[in-house]
Amino acid sequence: MKQEKLLQRIEINPDVMVGKPVIKGTRLSVQFILGLLAQGEKPEEIINEYPGLLKDDIKACLMFSFKVLEETIFYPLQKTPAV
């Protein structure tokens, strides 16, 4: 599935989860799904736990995160000498 199509599965609505990015039509935030993946949950396990969720929804969360990080500028913090 193309990037644009995947990203259409994510919505930001101030009336849903206080504007956190969520999978469209759910209250499952991108952050929540990424947290599950980071803890070692497999996409199939997440899909089984949340009926109606599709593998493309999980891919959309990953793509959304990639795009956000891609568009973010990071500045290194300067170390201050210990006193």
N, C-alpha and C. Protein backbone atom coordinates (compact mmCIF):
# COMPACT_ATOMS: atom_id res chain seq x y z
N MET A 1 0.85 -1.18 0.00
CA MET A 1 0.00 0.00 0.00
C MET A 1 0.89 1.24 0.00
N LYS A 2 0.54 2.21 -0.77
CA LYS A 2 1.33 3.43 -0.89
C LYS A 2 1.26 4.26 0.39
N GLN A 3 2.30 5.09 0.59
CA GLN A 3 2.39 5.93 1.79
C GLN A 3 1.14 6.76 2.03
N GLU A 4 0.68 7.43 0.98
CA GLU A 4 -0.46 8.34 1.13
C GLU A 4 -1.70 7.56 1.60
N LYS A 5 -1.88 6.39 1.04
CA LYS A 5 -3.04 5.55 1.39
C LYS A 5 -2.93 5.09 2.84
N LEU A 6 -1.73 4.69 3.25
CA LEU A 6 -1.53 4.28 4.64
C LEU A 6 -1.80 5.44 5.59
N LEU A 7 -1.28 6.61 5.25
CA LEU A 7 -1.43 7.75 6.15
C LEU A 7 -2.89 8.20 6.28
N GLN A 8 -3.73 7.85 5.32
CA GLN A 8 -5.16 8.19 5.43
C GLN A 8 -5.85 7.38 6.52
N ARG A 9 -5.19 6.33 7.00
CA ARG A 9 -5.75 5.50 8.06
C ARG A 9 -5.55 6.13 9.44
N ILE A 10 -4.74 7.18 9.49
CA ILE A 10 -4.46 7.87 10.75
C ILE A 10 -5.19 9.21 10.75
N GLU A 11 -5.83 9.53 11.87
CA GLU A 11 -6.49 10.83 11.96
C GLU A 11 -6.10 11.54 13.24
N ILE A 12 -6.13 12.86 13.15
CA ILE A 12 -5.90 13.71 14.32
C ILE A 12 -7.16 14.57 14.46
N ASN A 13 -7.88 14.33 15.55
CA ASN A 13 -9.14 15.01 15.78
C ASN A 13 -9.16 15.45 17.24
N PRO A 14 -9.30 16.74 17.51
CA PRO A 14 -9.27 17.20 18.89
C PRO A 14 -10.37 16.58 19.76
N ASP A 15 -11.40 16.03 19.14
CA ASP A 15 -12.49 15.41 19.90
C ASP A 15 -12.24 13.93 20.21
N VAL A 16 -11.15 13.38 19.68
CA VAL A 16 -10.82 11.97 19.92
C VAL A 16 -9.45 11.90 20.57
N MET A 17 -9.40 11.35 21.77
CA MET A 17 -8.14 11.17 22.51
C MET A 17 -7.35 12.48 22.62
N VAL A 18 -8.05 13.56 22.80
CA VAL A 18 -7.44 14.89 22.98
C VAL A 18 -6.51 15.25 21.83
N GLY A 19 -6.83 14.79 20.62
CA GLY A 19 -6.05 15.16 19.45
C GLY A 19 -4.84 14.31 19.17
N LYS A 20 -4.63 13.24 19.95
CA LYS A 20 -3.52 12.34 19.63
C LYS A 20 -3.80 11.66 18.30
N PRO A 21 -2.78 11.36 17.52
CA PRO A 21 -3.00 10.61 16.29
C PRO A 21 -3.53 9.20 16.63
N VAL A 22 -4.64 8.83 16.00
CA VAL A 22 -5.26 7.53 16.25
C VAL A 22 -5.53 6.83 14.92
N ILE A 23 -5.76 5.53 15.00
CA ILE A 23 -6.21 4.79 13.84
C ILE A 23 -7.66 5.21 13.61
N LYS A 24 -7.94 5.67 12.41
CA LYS A 24 -9.26 6.19 12.06
C LYS A 24 -10.36 5.22 12.48
N GLY A 25 -11.39 5.77 13.13
CA GLY A 25 -12.53 4.97 13.55
C GLY A 25 -12.32 4.22 14.85
N THR A 26 -11.17 4.45 15.51
CA THR A 26 -10.88 3.78 16.78
C THR A 26 -10.42 4.82 17.80
N ARG A 27 -10.19 4.36 18.99
CA ARG A 27 -9.55 5.17 20.01
C ARG A 27 -8.16 4.60 20.32
N LEU A 28 -7.60 3.89 19.36
CA LEU A 28 -6.26 3.32 19.50
C LEU A 28 -5.25 4.31 18.94
N SER A 29 -4.42 4.85 19.83
CA SER A 29 -3.46 5.86 19.38
C SER A 29 -2.25 5.20 18.74
N VAL A 30 -1.63 5.96 17.87
CA VAL A 30 -0.38 5.52 17.24
C VAL A 30 0.63 5.19 18.34
N GLN A 31 0.70 6.04 19.34
CA GLN A 31 1.64 5.85 20.45
C GLN A 31 1.39 4.50 21.15
N PHE A 32 0.12 4.16 21.37
CA PHE A 32 -0.23 2.90 22.03
C PHE A 32 0.23 1.70 21.20
N ILE A 33 -0.05 1.74 19.91
CA ILE A 33 0.33 0.63 19.03
C ILE A 33 1.85 0.49 18.98
N LEU A 34 2.56 1.62 18.87
CA LEU A 34 4.03 1.57 18.85
C LEU A 34 4.56 1.01 20.17
N GLY A 35 3.93 1.37 21.26
CA GLY A 35 4.33 0.84 22.57
C GLY A 35 4.19 -0.67 22.63
N LEU A 36 3.08 -1.18 22.11
CA LEU A 36 2.89 -2.63 22.08
C LEU A 36 3.97 -3.30 21.24
N LEU A 37 4.25 -2.73 20.07
CA LEU A 37 5.30 -3.30 19.21
C LEU A 37 6.66 -3.25 19.91
N ALA A 38 6.95 -2.14 20.58
CA ALA A 38 8.23 -1.98 21.27
C ALA A 38 8.39 -2.98 22.41
N GLN A 39 7.26 -3.40 22.99
CA GLN A 39 7.30 -4.38 24.08
C GLN A 39 7.37 -5.81 23.57
N GLY A 40 7.41 -5.96 22.24
CA GLY A 40 7.58 -7.29 21.66
C GLY A 40 6.32 -7.94 21.14
N GLU A 41 5.19 -7.24 21.22
CA GLU A 41 3.95 -7.81 20.67
C GLU A 41 4.09 -7.93 19.15
N LYS A 42 3.60 -9.00 18.62
CA LYS A 42 3.62 -9.20 17.17
C LYS A 42 2.35 -8.57 16.59
N PRO A 43 2.43 -8.06 15.36
CA PRO A 43 1.24 -7.47 14.74
C PRO A 43 0.03 -8.40 14.78
N GLU A 44 0.25 -9.68 14.57
CA GLU A 44 -0.86 -10.65 14.58
C GLU A 44 -1.52 -10.71 15.96
N GLU A 45 -0.71 -10.60 17.02
CA GLU A 45 -1.26 -10.63 18.38
C GLU A 45 -2.10 -9.38 18.65
N ILE A 46 -1.63 -8.25 18.17
CA ILE A 46 -2.38 -6.99 18.36
C ILE A 46 -3.70 -7.07 17.59
N ILE A 47 -3.66 -7.58 16.38
CA ILE A 47 -4.86 -7.70 15.56
C ILE A 47 -5.87 -8.64 16.22
N ASN A 48 -5.39 -9.73 16.81
CA ASN A 48 -6.28 -10.67 17.50
C ASN A 48 -6.91 -10.03 18.73
N GLU A 49 -6.18 -9.16 19.39
CA GLU A 49 -6.66 -8.51 20.61
C GLU A 49 -7.70 -7.43 20.31
N TYR A 50 -7.60 -6.81 19.16
CA TYR A 50 -8.49 -5.70 18.79
C TYR A 50 -9.20 -6.02 17.48
N PRO A 51 -10.36 -6.68 17.57
CA PRO A 51 -11.10 -7.04 16.36
C PRO A 51 -11.38 -5.81 15.48
N GLY A 52 -11.28 -6.00 14.20
CA GLY A 52 -11.50 -4.91 13.26
C GLY A 52 -10.22 -4.21 12.86
N LEU A 53 -9.17 -4.39 13.65
CA LEU A 53 -7.87 -3.81 13.33
C LEU A 53 -7.23 -4.64 12.22
N LEU A 54 -6.61 -3.97 11.29
CA LEU A 54 -5.97 -4.65 10.16
C LEU A 54 -4.46 -4.45 10.19
N LYS A 55 -3.76 -5.32 9.50
CA LYS A 55 -2.30 -5.20 9.42
C LYS A 55 -1.90 -3.84 8.83
N ASP A 56 -2.70 -3.35 7.88
CA ASP A 56 -2.41 -2.04 7.30
C ASP A 56 -2.54 -0.91 8.33
N ASP A 57 -3.37 -1.10 9.35
CA ASP A 57 -3.48 -0.10 10.42
C ASP A 57 -2.16 -0.01 11.19
N ILE A 58 -1.57 -1.15 11.44
CA ILE A 58 -0.28 -1.17 12.14
C ILE A 58 0.82 -0.58 11.26
N LYS A 59 0.79 -0.93 9.98
CA LYS A 59 1.75 -0.34 9.03
C LYS A 59 1.57 1.18 8.99
N ALA A 60 0.32 1.63 9.06
CA ALA A 60 0.05 3.07 9.03
C ALA A 60 0.65 3.77 10.24
N CYS A 61 0.58 3.12 11.40
CA CYS A 61 1.20 3.70 12.61
C CYS A 61 2.71 3.84 12.42
N LEU A 62 3.33 2.82 11.85
CA LEU A 62 4.77 2.88 11.61
C LEU A 62 5.11 3.96 10.59
N MET A 63 4.33 4.05 9.52
CA MET A 63 4.58 5.05 8.49
C MET A 63 4.39 6.46 9.05
N PHE A 64 3.34 6.66 9.85
CA PHE A 64 3.10 7.97 10.45
C PHE A 64 4.30 8.37 11.31
N SER A 65 4.77 7.45 12.13
CA SER A 65 5.92 7.74 12.99
C SER A 65 7.16 8.06 12.18
N PHE A 66 7.39 7.29 11.12
CA PHE A 66 8.52 7.54 10.24
C PHE A 66 8.45 8.95 9.67
N LYS A 67 7.26 9.34 9.17
CA LYS A 67 7.11 10.66 8.56
C LYS A 67 7.32 11.78 9.58
N VAL A 68 6.81 11.59 10.78
CA VAL A 68 6.99 12.61 11.83
C VAL A 68 8.47 12.77 12.15
N LEU A 69 9.17 11.66 12.31
CA LEU A 69 10.60 11.74 12.61
C LEU A 69 11.40 12.29 11.43
N GLU A 70 10.98 11.95 10.23
CA GLU A 70 11.66 12.42 9.03
C GLU A 70 11.59 13.95 8.93
N GLU A 71 10.50 14.52 9.39
CA GLU A 71 10.27 15.96 9.27
C GLU A 71 10.71 16.73 10.52
N THR A 72 11.30 16.03 11.47
CA THR A 72 11.74 16.66 12.72
C THR A 72 13.23 16.94 12.65
N ILE A 73 13.61 18.10 13.10
CA ILE A 73 15.03 18.46 13.17
C ILE A 73 15.50 18.24 14.61
N PHE A 74 16.58 17.51 14.75
CA PHE A 74 17.13 17.24 16.07
C PHE A 74 18.42 18.03 16.24
N TYR A 75 18.55 18.65 17.38
CA TYR A 75 19.76 19.39 17.71
C TYR A 75 20.44 18.68 18.87
N PRO A 76 21.73 18.40 18.73
CA PRO A 76 22.43 17.74 19.83
C PRO A 76 22.51 18.66 21.05
N LEU A 77 22.34 18.06 22.21
CA LEU A 77 22.48 18.82 23.43
C LEU A 77 23.97 18.94 23.75
N GLN A 78 24.35 20.12 24.19
CA GLN A 78 25.76 20.31 24.54
C GLN A 78 25.97 19.82 25.96
N LYS A 79 27.05 19.10 26.13
CA LYS A 79 27.40 18.63 27.47
C LYS A 79 27.98 19.78 28.26
N THR A 80 27.56 19.88 29.50
CA THR A 80 28.14 20.90 30.36
C THR A 80 29.18 20.21 31.25
N PRO A 81 30.30 20.86 31.46
CA PRO A 81 31.34 20.23 32.28
C PRO A 81 30.85 20.03 33.72
N ALA A 82 31.24 18.88 34.28
CA ALA A 82 30.88 18.58 35.68
C ALA A 82 31.71 19.49 36.59
N VAL A 83 31.11 19.93 37.65
CA VAL A 83 31.80 20.82 38.59
C VAL A 83 32.30 20.03 39.77
